[in-house]
Amino acid sequence: MKRFLNNKDKKLYYSDLGKGTVIVLLHGYLESLEIWEEFALKLSKSYRVISFDIPGHGKSETFAEVHTIEFLTATIYNLLKELNIEKCFMIGHSMGGYITLMFNKIFPEILSGFSLFHSHPFADTEETKKKRLREIEFVKAGKKDLIATFNIPNAFATDNLSRFQNEIEKAKNIALQTSEKGIIANLFAMMNRSDLSESLSKTKIPFLFIVGKKDNYIDYNSVLPKIKLPKNSELKVLENSGHMGFIEEMEVSLRMIEEFVKNTEKYF
């Protein structure tokens, strides 16, 4: 089931599949809930899977010229309340991981557990901020197609490019359908977000960290050693994935999440 909810007179789009323990899927930059389509369908055989178009992406409207991660997090919280969700597991891919981390900081009572899926807790480096500002200028100049053409294939491991041509084209189309206003608003949200590495290290909520060994955006060898994992955490490595493990190694990723949820549920 896919439908719209209203929030502050803006339309927000979501998908609600299956029954049981709630798993919330939050997509990444230049994506929409459609990127999770096959993954969510398989996961929904055992769980209730809710995925949102983050404001400014997919079919969800943009709220302002500049979004913040705090605002996006509060919006997702309000939507969960609207759906009467009191507890959930939250899985955040890339930009969705930044929202998930903020959710853990301000609304921890909602989370039974959470996962970063090809994401990290650090603020943008100066180099990354400059890159985002360049992308904003590209979008303003009407050249978002150039961003999609470069960013999307680069999200997949180089070894997987020929094997996932159809999936890459689908992801490109999703990116191209993202509104210019939404892209810019969420680039500012990512660029101005705070460092949540300390918050992550101190959390007592069960945490699953999924990384791709061949990720072109989050370097496995340089980023991973800098992250201080909390005590109640699991680190899982996708050996043959880039930044899109839920596509590149779908079945392995599904098992990782299902095992995490089952193991965590034992303590409730």
Protein backbone atom coordinates (compact mmCIF):
# COMPACT_ATOMS: atom_id res chain seq x y z
CA MET A 1 0.00 0.00 0.00
CA LYS A 2 1.31 3.41 -1.01
CA ARG A 3 -0.33 6.68 -0.10
CA PHE A 4 0.13 10.28 1.00
CA LEU A 5 0.03 11.83 4.46
CA ASN A 6 -0.26 15.53 5.16
CA ASN A 7 2.22 17.36 7.37
CA LYS A 8 2.15 21.15 7.75
CA ASP A 9 0.03 21.35 4.57
CA LYS A 10 2.67 19.43 2.63
CA LYS A 11 2.20 16.00 1.06
CA LEU A 12 4.50 13.19 2.16
CA TYR A 13 4.56 9.82 0.44
CA TYR A 14 5.08 6.44 2.06
CA SER A 15 4.76 2.69 1.54
CA ASP A 16 3.37 0.26 4.13
CA LEU A 17 3.81 -3.49 3.51
CA GLY A 18 3.35 -6.63 5.60
CA LYS A 19 2.52 -7.19 9.25
CA GLY A 20 4.35 -7.61 12.56
CA THR A 21 7.41 -5.91 13.98
CA VAL A 22 7.91 -2.56 12.25
CA ILE A 23 11.03 -1.90 10.19
CA VAL A 24 11.42 1.61 8.78
CA LEU A 25 13.56 2.08 5.68
CA LEU A 26 15.03 5.53 4.97
CA HIS A 27 16.58 6.04 1.55
CA GLY A 28 19.63 8.06 0.59
CA TYR A 29 20.39 11.20 -1.40
CA LEU A 30 18.93 11.26 -4.94
CA GLU A 31 16.83 8.21 -4.07
CA SER A 32 13.22 7.55 -3.12
CA LEU A 33 11.34 4.72 -1.46
CA GLU A 34 11.26 3.07 -4.91
CA ILE A 35 14.96 2.21 -4.50
CA TRP A 36 13.92 -0.21 -1.72
CA GLU A 37 11.11 -1.80 -3.78
CA GLU A 38 12.33 -5.39 -4.13
CA PHE A 39 14.18 -5.36 -0.81
CA ALA A 40 11.12 -4.07 1.08
CA LEU A 41 8.84 -6.62 -0.59
CA LYS A 42 11.05 -9.51 0.52
CA LEU A 43 11.44 -8.11 4.03
CA SER A 44 7.67 -7.66 4.31
CA LYS A 45 7.13 -11.42 4.20
CA SER A 46 8.14 -11.47 7.87
CA TYR A 47 7.77 -7.86 9.04
CA ARG A 48 5.75 -4.69 8.60
CA VAL A 49 7.97 -2.54 6.40
CA ILE A 50 7.37 1.20 6.17
CA SER A 51 9.42 3.31 3.81
CA PHE A 52 9.14 7.07 3.30
CA ASP A 53 10.03 9.48 0.57
CA ILE A 54 12.15 11.89 2.62
CA PRO A 55 10.90 15.50 2.17
CA GLY A 56 12.28 16.91 -1.06
CA HIS A 57 12.81 13.50 -2.62
CA GLY A 58 10.49 11.14 -4.47
CA LYS A 59 6.87 12.25 -4.28
CA SER A 60 7.24 14.05 -0.94
CA GLU A 61 7.14 17.83 -1.14
CA THR A 62 9.96 20.18 -0.19
CA PHE A 63 9.25 22.31 2.90
CA ALA A 64 11.81 25.10 2.56
CA GLU A 65 14.81 26.29 0.56
CA VAL A 66 17.06 24.77 3.21
CA HIS A 67 16.26 21.63 5.19
CA THR A 68 18.12 20.45 8.29
CA ILE A 69 18.69 16.90 9.46
CA GLU A 70 16.86 17.82 12.67
CA PHE A 71 13.83 18.94 10.66
CA LEU A 72 13.83 15.83 8.47
CA THR A 73 14.09 13.68 11.59
CA ALA A 74 11.18 15.44 13.28
CA THR A 75 9.11 15.01 10.13
CA ILE A 76 9.70 11.24 10.09
CA TYR A 77 8.85 11.15 13.81
CA ASN A 78 5.55 12.95 13.15
CA LEU A 79 4.70 10.53 10.36
CA LEU A 80 5.35 7.53 12.58
CA LYS A 81 3.09 9.06 15.23
CA GLU A 82 0.43 9.60 12.56
CA LEU A 83 0.68 5.89 11.74
CA ASN A 84 0.48 4.98 15.47
CA ILE A 85 3.97 3.45 15.43
CA GLU A 86 5.28 3.38 19.00
CA LYS A 87 8.37 1.21 18.37
CA CYS A 88 10.36 0.33 15.29
CA PHE A 89 13.68 -0.77 13.89
CA MET A 90 15.12 1.94 11.65
CA ILE A 91 17.44 1.24 8.72
CA GLY A 92 19.05 4.33 7.17
CA HIS A 93 20.90 4.22 3.87
CA SER A 94 23.52 6.95 3.31
CA MET A 95 21.64 10.26 3.87
CA GLY A 96 18.89 8.21 5.53
CA GLY A 97 21.56 7.09 7.97
CA TYR A 98 22.17 10.70 9.03
CA ILE A 99 18.47 10.97 9.86
CA THR A 100 18.57 7.65 11.68
CA LEU A 101 21.49 8.84 13.82
CA MET A 102 19.64 12.02 14.70
CA PHE A 103 16.57 9.94 15.49
CA ASN A 104 18.67 7.94 17.94
CA LYS A 105 19.76 11.19 19.57
CA ILE A 106 16.39 12.94 19.94
CA PHE A 107 13.77 10.18 19.81
CA PRO A 108 15.54 7.08 21.21
CA GLU A 109 12.36 5.87 22.92
CA ILE A 110 10.91 4.98 19.50
CA LEU A 111 13.80 2.72 18.48
CA SER A 112 14.01 -0.98 19.27
CA GLY A 113 17.21 -0.99 17.25
CA PHE A 114 18.76 0.91 14.35
CA SER A 115 21.19 0.42 11.50
CA LEU A 116 23.50 2.52 9.39
CA PHE A 117 23.59 1.05 5.89
CA HIS A 118 26.55 2.56 4.00
CA SER A 119 26.57 5.67 6.17
CA HIS A 120 28.67 7.19 8.98
CA PRO A 121 28.30 9.50 12.00
CA PHE A 122 30.75 12.24 11.07
CA ALA A 123 30.04 15.77 9.88
CA ASP A 124 31.03 16.75 6.35
CA THR A 125 34.69 17.52 5.77
CA GLU A 126 35.55 20.84 4.13
CA GLU A 127 36.28 18.96 0.92
CA THR A 128 32.85 17.30 0.97
CA LYS A 129 31.14 20.64 1.68
CA LYS A 130 32.82 22.13 -1.39
CA LYS A 131 31.58 19.20 -3.45
CA ARG A 132 28.02 19.72 -2.23
CA LEU A 133 28.21 23.44 -3.05
CA ARG A 134 29.37 22.52 -6.58
CA GLU A 135 26.39 20.18 -6.92
CA ILE A 136 24.06 22.97 -5.82
CA GLU A 137 25.50 25.18 -8.56
CA PHE A 138 25.05 22.39 -11.10
CA VAL A 139 21.40 21.99 -10.10
CA LYS A 140 20.77 25.74 -10.26
CA ALA A 141 22.29 25.71 -13.75
CA GLY A 142 19.85 23.00 -14.85
CA LYS A 143 22.47 20.27 -14.96
CA LYS A 144 21.21 17.74 -12.39
CA ASP A 145 21.46 15.11 -15.14
CA LEU A 146 25.25 15.38 -14.91
CA ILE A 147 25.09 14.64 -11.17
CA ALA A 148 22.92 11.58 -11.74
CA THR A 149 25.13 10.35 -14.57
CA PHE A 150 28.21 10.43 -12.33
CA ASN A 151 26.88 9.75 -8.82
CA ILE A 152 24.65 6.77 -9.50
CA PRO A 153 27.12 4.42 -11.26
CA ASN A 154 29.78 5.45 -8.74
CA ALA A 155 27.51 4.18 -5.95
CA PHE A 156 28.00 0.63 -7.22
CA ALA A 157 31.24 -1.29 -6.91
CA THR A 158 33.25 -1.07 -10.12
CA ASP A 159 33.14 -4.88 -10.35
CA ASN A 160 29.33 -4.78 -10.37
CA LEU A 161 28.65 -2.16 -13.05
CA SER A 162 27.97 -4.56 -15.92
CA ARG A 163 25.90 -6.94 -13.78
CA PHE A 164 23.55 -4.26 -12.46
CA GLN A 165 22.97 -2.15 -15.56
CA ASN A 166 19.16 -2.30 -15.20
CA GLU A 167 19.32 -1.34 -11.53
CA ILE A 168 21.68 1.54 -12.32
CA GLU A 169 19.27 2.87 -14.95
CA LYS A 170 16.38 2.63 -12.49
CA ALA A 171 18.40 4.52 -9.86
CA LYS A 172 19.33 7.17 -12.46
CA ASN A 173 15.68 7.68 -13.35
CA ILE A 174 14.80 8.11 -9.67
CA ALA A 175 17.56 10.70 -9.33
CA LEU A 176 16.43 12.58 -12.45
CA GLN A 177 12.86 12.74 -11.14
CA THR A 178 14.02 14.37 -7.90
CA SER A 179 13.04 18.05 -7.86
CA GLU A 180 15.76 20.67 -8.10
CA LYS A 181 14.36 22.40 -5.03
CA GLY A 182 14.44 19.15 -3.04
CA ILE A 183 17.99 18.31 -4.08
CA ILE A 184 19.26 21.71 -2.98
CA ALA A 185 17.34 21.70 0.32
CA ASN A 186 18.73 18.29 1.27
CA LEU A 187 22.26 19.04 0.14
CA PHE A 188 22.20 21.89 2.67
CA ALA A 189 20.83 19.49 5.30
CA MET A 190 23.74 17.11 4.80
CA MET A 191 26.34 19.84 4.50
CA ASN A 192 25.34 21.55 7.75
CA ARG A 193 24.69 18.46 9.87
CA SER A 194 26.47 17.98 13.19
CA ASP A 195 28.93 15.26 14.14
CA LEU A 196 27.09 12.44 15.91
CA SER A 197 30.01 10.07 16.46
CA GLU A 198 29.99 10.59 20.23
CA SER A 199 26.22 10.16 20.40
CA LEU A 200 26.55 6.89 18.49
CA SER A 201 29.36 5.58 20.70
CA LYS A 202 27.28 6.12 23.85
CA THR A 203 23.96 4.71 22.67
CA LYS A 204 22.51 1.77 24.55
CA ILE A 205 20.11 0.88 21.77
CA PRO A 206 21.06 -2.19 19.68
CA PHE A 207 22.98 -1.03 16.64
CA LEU A 208 23.82 -2.72 13.33
CA PHE A 209 26.53 -1.23 11.14
CA ILE A 210 26.58 -2.50 7.54
CA VAL A 211 29.49 -1.43 5.34
CA GLY A 212 30.58 -2.18 1.79
CA LYS A 213 34.15 -3.32 1.25
CA LYS A 214 34.17 -1.67 -2.20
CA ASP A 215 32.28 1.52 -1.33
CA ASN A 216 33.46 4.45 -3.48
CA TYR A 217 31.85 7.03 -1.19
CA ILE A 218 32.75 5.75 2.27
CA ASP A 219 36.24 4.34 2.16
CA TYR A 220 36.35 1.11 4.10
CA ASN A 221 39.98 1.37 5.15
CA SER A 222 40.04 5.03 6.22
CA VAL A 223 36.55 5.68 7.68
CA LEU A 224 35.83 2.46 9.54
CA PRO A 225 38.80 2.63 11.98
CA LYS A 226 37.70 6.13 13.08
CA ILE A 227 34.26 5.00 14.25
CA LYS A 228 33.88 4.07 17.90
CA LEU A 229 31.10 1.51 18.02
CA PRO A 230 28.79 1.27 21.04
CA LYS A 231 28.88 -1.80 23.27
CA ASN A 232 25.62 -3.27 22.00
CA SER A 233 26.52 -3.31 18.32
CA GLU A 234 27.27 -5.55 15.37
CA LEU A 235 29.54 -4.80 12.42
CA LYS A 236 28.73 -6.56 9.17
CA VAL A 237 30.85 -6.28 6.02
CA LEU A 238 29.52 -6.83 2.51
CA GLU A 239 32.60 -8.10 0.72
CA ASN A 240 31.31 -7.57 -2.82
CA SER A 241 29.34 -4.33 -2.47
CA GLY A 242 29.89 -0.66 -3.04
CA HIS A 243 27.40 1.85 -1.65
CA MET A 244 24.28 -0.11 -2.66
CA GLY A 245 24.53 -3.39 -0.76
CA PHE A 246 20.77 -3.88 -0.54
CA ILE A 247 20.92 -4.24 -4.34
CA GLU A 248 24.42 -5.59 -4.91
CA GLU A 249 24.15 -8.29 -2.22
CA MET A 250 20.44 -8.31 -1.52
CA GLU A 251 20.04 -11.76 0.01
CA VAL A 252 23.08 -11.35 2.27
CA SER A 253 21.81 -7.94 3.40
CA LEU A 254 18.34 -9.32 4.11
CA ARG A 255 19.81 -12.05 6.30
CA MET A 256 21.90 -9.50 8.22
CA ILE A 257 18.88 -7.36 9.03
CA GLU A 258 16.56 -10.26 9.81
CA GLU A 259 19.11 -11.83 12.17
CA PHE A 260 19.66 -8.47 13.87
CA VAL A 261 15.94 -7.95 14.42
CA LYS A 262 15.38 -11.52 15.65
CA ASN A 263 18.32 -11.39 18.05
CA THR A 264 17.20 -8.02 19.40
CA GLU A 265 13.57 -9.09 19.80
CA LYS A 266 14.67 -11.82 22.22
CA TYR A 267 15.34 -9.17 24.84
CA PHE A 268 11.85 -7.64 24.69
